[in-house]
Amino acid sequence: MKSNKDKTKEQLIEEMTEMRQRIADLENGDIIKAHHVAEAIQYRPRRMV
């Protein structure tokens, strides 16, 4: 598994997209809403600088 520092921007965006879909699924929602995106951002790992 790559560390966040080694992942590309596209890979990190894809992970966040999957996370917000999972959050919407947990709420039995068919549509991803703003609060799903906000929650996914909250869970994303901080990038190492």
C-alpha atoms as a PDB file:
ATOM      1  CA  MET A   1       0.000   0.000   0.000  1.00  0.00           C
ATOM      2  CA  LYS A   2       1.351   3.393  -0.971  1.00  0.00           C
ATOM      3  CA  SER A   3       1.647   6.176   1.556  1.00  0.00           C
ATOM      4  CA  ASN A   4      -0.310   9.348   0.852  1.00  0.00           C
ATOM      5  CA  LYS A   5       2.914  11.064  -0.111  1.00  0.00           C
ATOM      6  CA  ASP A   6       3.459   8.551  -2.940  1.00  0.00           C
ATOM      7  CA  LYS A   7      -0.082   8.678  -4.327  1.00  0.00           C
ATOM      8  CA  THR A   8      -0.992  10.855  -7.270  1.00  0.00           C
ATOM      9  CA  LYS A   9      -3.601  13.567  -7.047  1.00  0.00           C
ATOM     10  CA  GLU A  10      -5.917  11.436  -9.199  1.00  0.00           C
ATOM     11  CA  GLN A  11      -5.596   8.477  -6.819  1.00  0.00           C
ATOM     12  CA  LEU A  12      -6.441  10.647  -3.815  1.00  0.00           C
ATOM     13  CA  ILE A  13      -9.474  12.110  -5.605  1.00  0.00           C
ATOM     14  CA  GLU A  14     -10.641   8.599  -6.526  1.00  0.00           C
ATOM     15  CA  GLU A  15     -10.360   7.481  -2.891  1.00  0.00           C
ATOM     16  CA  MET A  16     -12.394  10.476  -1.735  1.00  0.00           C
ATOM     17  CA  THR A  17     -15.017   9.763  -4.409  1.00  0.00           C
ATOM     18  CA  GLU A  18     -15.338   6.193  -3.170  1.00  0.00           C
ATOM     19  CA  MET A  19     -15.563   7.376   0.436  1.00  0.00           C
ATOM     20  CA  ARG A  20     -18.400   9.827  -0.232  1.00  0.00           C
ATOM     21  CA  GLN A  21     -20.299   7.105  -2.121  1.00  0.00           C
ATOM     22  CA  ARG A  22     -19.912   4.717   0.825  1.00  0.00           C
ATOM     23  CA  ILE A  23     -21.186   7.415   3.202  1.00  0.00           C
ATOM     24  CA  ALA A  24     -24.240   7.990   0.990  1.00  0.00           C
ATOM     25  CA  ASP A  25     -24.799   4.217   0.799  1.00  0.00           C
ATOM     26  CA  LEU A  26     -24.730   3.924   4.586  1.00  0.00           C
ATOM     27  CA  GLU A  27     -27.588   6.424   4.710  1.00  0.00           C
ATOM     28  CA  ASN A  28     -29.440   4.466   2.016  1.00  0.00           C
ATOM     29  CA  GLY A  29     -29.112   7.480  -0.258  1.00  0.00           C
ATOM     30  CA  ASP A  30     -29.007   7.257  -4.034  1.00  0.00           C
ATOM     31  CA  ILE A  31     -27.704  10.775  -4.496  1.00  0.00           C
ATOM     32  CA  ILE A  32     -24.442  12.107  -3.097  1.00  0.00           C
ATOM     33  CA  LYS A  33     -25.210  15.345  -1.255  1.00  0.00           C
ATOM     34  CA  ALA A  34     -22.990  18.148   0.007  1.00  0.00           C
ATOM     35  CA  HIS A  35     -22.853  16.737   3.539  1.00  0.00           C
ATOM     36  CA  HIS A  36     -21.557  13.410   2.162  1.00  0.00           C
ATOM     37  CA  VAL A  37     -18.696  15.241   0.454  1.00  0.00           C
ATOM     38  CA  ALA A  38     -17.982  17.242   3.607  1.00  0.00           C
ATOM     39  CA  GLU A  39     -17.844  14.066   5.685  1.00  0.00           C
ATOM     40  CA  ALA A  40     -15.548  12.346   3.178  1.00  0.00           C
ATOM     41  CA  ILE A  41     -13.161  15.319   3.266  1.00  0.00           C
ATOM     42  CA  GLN A  42     -13.157  15.139   7.040  1.00  0.00           C
ATOM     43  CA  TYR A  43     -11.973  11.507   6.943  1.00  0.00           C
ATOM     44  CA  ARG A  44      -9.265  11.950   4.320  1.00  0.00           C
ATOM     45  CA  PRO A  45      -5.722  11.488   5.587  1.00  0.00           C
ATOM     46  CA  ARG A  46      -3.578  14.551   5.834  1.00  0.00           C
ATOM     47  CA  ARG A  47      -0.825  14.618   3.246  1.00  0.00           C
ATOM     48  CA  MET A  48       2.720  14.400   4.469  1.00  0.00           C
ATOM     49  CA  VAL A  49       4.761  17.432   3.404  1.00  0.00           C
END
